[in-house]
Amino acid sequence: LLGPSGLGLRLTGLCDQREQPFYARGWERAGAAPDGYFVCAADLEDELIRALGVPRVKELVREEGDLRPLQTFLSQPAQQGRPAHQQLRRFLGTKKGRKIHYGRVLVEALAPDRVPAPLDDLFAALS
């Protein structure tokens, strides 16, 4: 409805690496150019954590009042030996609504020159 045969709008989007094959098939079926979507290395949260750095993300978690839940999470045996950015990424998905909440918090904390490439490319495609 919204692509080449619909309203004539250009399709664009952002997806996680694991979703890329689904996007590729969908774009192909829609007759859309395959360069209309942008792929995050793992997912958007991972991109944002890497762009901000682990210390800054931990500081934001503290500012949001979630330091204690983070510390409890990090003390779990399953988190031992896991890289810090992966621990933070996993923490963001452990409670309903946390990914959405921190998505906004992390994006708002980004400096304009630190926007992850897939997100920056998406914004450029929209302008």
Protein backbone atom coordinates (compact mmCIF):
# COMPACT_ATOMS: atom_id res chain seq x y z
CA LEU A 1 0.00 0.00 0.00
CA LEU A 2 2.75 2.47 0.78
CA GLY A 3 5.48 1.37 -1.60
CA PRO A 4 5.99 1.53 -5.34
CA SER A 5 2.49 0.29 -6.22
CA GLY A 6 0.71 2.22 -3.47
CA LEU A 7 1.00 5.85 -2.47
CA GLY A 8 4.35 6.21 -4.16
CA LEU A 9 6.16 6.61 -0.87
CA ARG A 10 9.72 5.43 -0.55
CA LEU A 11 10.06 2.48 1.84
CA THR A 12 12.76 2.78 4.45
CA GLY A 13 13.47 1.24 7.83
CA LEU A 14 15.86 0.01 10.45
CA CYS A 15 16.29 -3.62 11.45
CA ASP A 16 18.38 -5.90 13.62
CA GLN A 17 21.00 -8.07 11.95
CA ARG A 18 18.98 -11.25 12.58
CA GLU A 19 15.96 -9.68 10.87
CA GLN A 20 17.86 -8.69 7.72
CA PRO A 21 16.85 -11.76 5.64
CA PHE A 22 13.17 -11.04 6.36
CA TYR A 23 13.57 -7.41 5.33
CA ALA A 24 15.41 -8.43 2.16
CA ARG A 25 12.56 -10.75 1.14
CA GLY A 26 9.91 -8.17 1.99
CA TRP A 27 11.68 -5.42 0.10
CA GLU A 28 12.09 -7.74 -2.90
CA ARG A 29 8.38 -8.70 -2.86
CA ALA A 30 7.45 -5.01 -2.67
CA GLY A 31 9.71 -4.19 -5.60
CA ALA A 32 11.62 -1.74 -3.43
CA ALA A 33 15.31 -0.96 -3.73
CA PRO A 34 17.32 -3.12 -1.31
CA ASP A 35 19.17 -0.07 -0.02
CA GLY A 36 16.02 1.27 1.65
CA TYR A 37 16.64 -0.31 5.03
CA PHE A 38 19.57 -0.07 7.39
CA VAL A 39 20.93 -2.89 9.52
CA CYS A 40 22.13 -2.60 13.13
CA ALA A 41 25.12 -4.83 13.97
CA ALA A 42 23.17 -6.75 16.62
CA ASP A 43 20.28 -4.44 17.44
CA LEU A 44 19.67 -0.75 18.05
CA GLU A 45 20.40 -1.06 21.77
CA ASP A 46 23.82 -2.54 20.99
CA GLU A 47 24.55 0.29 18.55
CA LEU A 48 23.57 2.89 21.15
CA ILE A 49 25.60 1.27 23.95
CA ARG A 50 28.69 1.11 21.74
CA ALA A 51 28.20 4.73 20.61
CA LEU A 52 27.85 6.04 24.17
CA GLY A 53 30.29 3.67 25.85
CA VAL A 54 29.68 1.42 28.84
CA PRO A 55 30.61 4.02 31.51
CA ARG A 56 28.14 6.57 30.12
CA VAL A 57 25.34 4.01 29.83
CA LYS A 58 25.92 2.92 33.43
CA GLU A 59 25.78 6.56 34.48
CA LEU A 60 22.46 6.96 32.66
CA VAL A 61 21.11 3.81 34.34
CA ARG A 62 22.09 5.31 37.69
CA GLU A 63 20.44 8.64 36.80
CA GLU A 64 17.25 6.78 35.87
CA GLY A 65 17.16 5.07 39.28
CA ASP A 66 17.97 1.58 38.01
CA LEU A 67 21.45 1.14 39.47
CA ARG A 68 20.31 -1.37 42.10
CA PRO A 69 18.44 -3.59 39.59
CA LEU A 70 21.51 -3.40 37.32
CA GLN A 71 23.82 -4.45 40.15
CA THR A 72 21.50 -7.34 41.04
CA PHE A 73 21.42 -8.40 37.40
CA LEU A 74 25.21 -8.20 37.06
CA SER A 75 25.68 -10.39 40.14
CA GLN A 76 23.81 -13.28 38.51
CA PRO A 77 26.04 -16.22 37.52
CA ALA A 78 24.87 -16.10 33.89
CA GLN A 79 26.36 -12.62 33.54
CA GLN A 80 29.81 -13.52 34.81
CA GLY A 81 32.44 -13.39 32.09
CA ARG A 82 30.13 -11.69 29.60
CA PRO A 83 31.48 -8.42 28.10
CA ALA A 84 30.08 -5.32 29.82
CA HIS A 85 28.29 -4.00 26.72
CA GLN A 86 26.53 -7.36 26.29
CA GLN A 87 25.51 -7.32 29.95
CA LEU A 88 23.98 -3.87 29.53
CA ARG A 89 22.22 -4.90 26.33
CA ARG A 90 20.73 -7.92 28.09
CA PHE A 91 19.76 -5.81 31.12
CA LEU A 92 17.74 -3.48 28.90
CA GLY A 93 15.57 -6.41 27.83
CA THR A 94 14.88 -7.90 31.27
CA LYS A 95 11.83 -5.84 32.23
CA LYS A 96 8.74 -4.88 30.27
CA GLY A 97 9.06 -1.34 28.97
CA ARG A 98 12.75 -0.98 29.77
CA LYS A 99 13.94 -1.18 26.14
CA ILE A 100 11.51 1.53 25.08
CA HIS A 101 12.38 3.71 28.06
CA TYR A 102 16.13 3.39 27.62
CA GLY A 103 15.89 3.71 23.85
CA ARG A 104 14.78 7.27 24.39
CA VAL A 105 17.24 7.91 27.24
CA LEU A 106 20.20 6.64 25.21
CA VAL A 107 19.24 8.50 22.03
CA GLU A 108 18.78 11.75 23.94
CA ALA A 109 22.25 11.29 25.47
CA LEU A 110 23.95 10.97 22.08
CA ALA A 111 26.05 13.81 20.77
CA PRO A 112 25.26 14.54 17.10
CA ASP A 113 28.66 13.22 16.04
CA ARG A 114 28.14 9.91 17.91
CA VAL A 115 24.94 8.72 16.21
CA PRO A 116 25.40 5.07 15.17
CA ALA A 117 25.83 4.64 11.41
CA PRO A 118 22.59 2.70 10.76
CA LEU A 119 20.51 5.31 12.59
CA ASP A 120 22.39 8.18 10.95
CA ASP A 121 21.86 6.57 7.53
CA LEU A 122 18.14 6.16 8.24
CA PHE A 123 17.81 9.83 9.20
CA ALA A 124 19.72 10.85 6.07
CA ALA A 125 17.38 8.74 3.92
CA LEU A 126 14.36 10.43 5.48
CA SER A 127 15.57 13.96 4.80
